[in-house]
Amino acid sequence: MKIVLSPHLSIAHPEVSSTDVFSAVNNPDERYLDTLRNRFISLKKLNDKWIMVVYEKNQEIIVITAFYMKEQKKNKYVSNKLVSGHWIKI
C-alpha cells in the first residue's frame, strides 16, 4: 500500500522525517482509531520522544500530520483521548 504525505506535514512539522513517518505507520508501538474523525493514529517511540502520525486509509494511506512529543505529554494526551471515548485502541 502506498503512503502519501500531506504537503501540510513538511510545512507545519519540518522536524519530522518521512522515514520516521513510514516507520510509525508500518510498525507502530501503539495504534488507535479516532472515532470522531474516522482516522488512524500510530505512535512510535524514537529515542527519547514519541512520534504520533494521524492518517486515513483507503486505496492509499494518506498521512494528515505527524509530530513529536515527550513521554509525559504523550501519556497524558493518549489517556485523555481514551477516557473521553474519542479514541479506541486497535
Protein backbone atom coordinates (compact mmCIF):
# COMPACT_ATOMS: atom_id res chain seq x y z
CA MET A 1 0.00 0.00 0.00
CA LYS A 2 1.33 3.42 -0.95
CA ILE A 3 1.86 6.08 1.73
CA VAL A 4 1.21 9.68 0.67
CA LEU A 5 2.42 12.53 2.85
CA SER A 6 0.27 15.63 3.11
CA PRO A 7 2.06 18.82 1.98
CA HIS A 8 0.98 20.29 5.33
CA LEU A 9 3.33 17.89 7.12
CA SER A 10 6.61 19.35 5.86
CA ILE A 11 5.42 22.92 6.42
CA ALA A 12 3.93 22.54 9.89
CA HIS A 13 6.42 19.99 11.22
CA PRO A 14 9.72 20.13 9.32
CA GLU A 15 11.42 18.29 12.20
CA VAL A 16 9.52 15.10 11.31
CA SER A 17 11.32 12.99 8.70
CA SER A 18 9.48 10.86 6.16
CA THR A 19 11.50 7.85 7.38
CA ASP A 20 10.08 8.32 10.89
CA VAL A 21 6.55 8.66 9.50
CA PHE A 22 6.86 5.44 7.48
CA SER A 23 8.28 3.63 10.50
CA ALA A 24 5.38 4.76 12.70
CA VAL A 25 2.73 3.73 10.14
CA ASN A 26 4.30 0.38 9.22
CA ASN A 27 5.50 -0.71 12.65
CA PRO A 28 3.79 1.29 15.44
CA ASP A 29 4.24 0.67 19.13
CA GLU A 30 0.63 1.76 19.71
CA ARG A 31 -2.31 2.17 17.33
CA TYR A 32 -5.70 3.85 17.85
CA LEU A 33 -8.80 4.79 15.92
CA ASP A 34 -10.10 8.35 16.23
CA THR A 35 -13.84 7.69 16.38
CA LEU A 36 -14.77 11.33 15.74
CA ARG A 37 -12.81 11.76 12.51
CA ASN A 38 -12.51 8.12 11.45
CA ARG A 39 -8.73 8.43 11.24
CA PHE A 40 -5.98 6.15 12.45
CA ILE A 41 -3.34 7.17 14.98
CA SER A 42 0.02 5.41 15.15
CA LEU A 43 2.56 6.09 17.87
CA LYS A 44 6.20 5.03 17.69
CA LYS A 45 8.94 5.52 20.27
CA LEU A 46 12.03 7.09 18.70
CA ASN A 47 14.91 7.66 21.10
CA ASP A 48 13.59 9.92 23.88
CA LYS A 49 10.46 11.10 22.03
CA TRP A 50 7.32 9.66 20.52
CA ILE A 51 6.12 10.34 17.01
CA MET A 52 2.37 10.49 16.51
CA VAL A 53 1.09 10.04 12.96
CA VAL A 54 -2.52 10.78 12.02
CA TYR A 55 -3.65 9.18 8.77
CA GLU A 56 -6.57 8.00 6.65
CA LYS A 57 -6.68 4.65 4.92
CA ASN A 58 -8.39 3.85 1.63
CA GLN A 59 -6.59 2.76 -1.56
CA GLU A 60 -3.59 4.62 -0.19
CA ILE A 61 -2.50 5.67 3.27
CA ILE A 62 -2.74 9.45 3.39
CA VAL A 63 -0.76 10.98 6.23
CA ILE A 64 -2.51 14.09 7.51
CA THR A 65 0.01 15.19 10.11
CA ALA A 66 2.71 13.94 12.42
CA PHE A 67 4.66 15.39 15.29
CA TYR A 68 6.99 14.52 18.13
CA MET A 69 6.20 14.68 21.82
CA LYS A 70 7.90 13.78 25.06
CA GLU A 71 6.78 10.72 27.03
CA GLN A 72 4.89 12.62 29.75
CA LYS A 73 2.88 14.66 27.24
CA LYS A 74 2.17 11.57 25.13
CA ASN A 75 0.84 9.61 28.11
CA LYS A 76 -1.45 12.45 29.19
CA TYR A 77 -2.67 13.11 25.64
CA VAL A 78 -3.48 9.46 24.90
CA SER A 79 -5.11 8.96 28.29
CA ASN A 80 -7.40 11.96 27.78
CA LYS A 81 -8.44 10.71 24.33
CA LEU A 82 -9.21 7.22 25.64
CA VAL A 83 -11.15 8.44 28.69
CA SER A 84 -13.22 10.81 26.57
CA GLY A 85 -14.05 7.98 24.16
CA HIS A 86 -12.59 9.85 21.17
CA TRP A 87 -10.02 7.10 20.59
CA ILE A 88 -10.17 3.34 20.88
CA LYS A 89 -7.12 1.06 20.96
CA ILE A 90 -6.83 -1.24 17.96
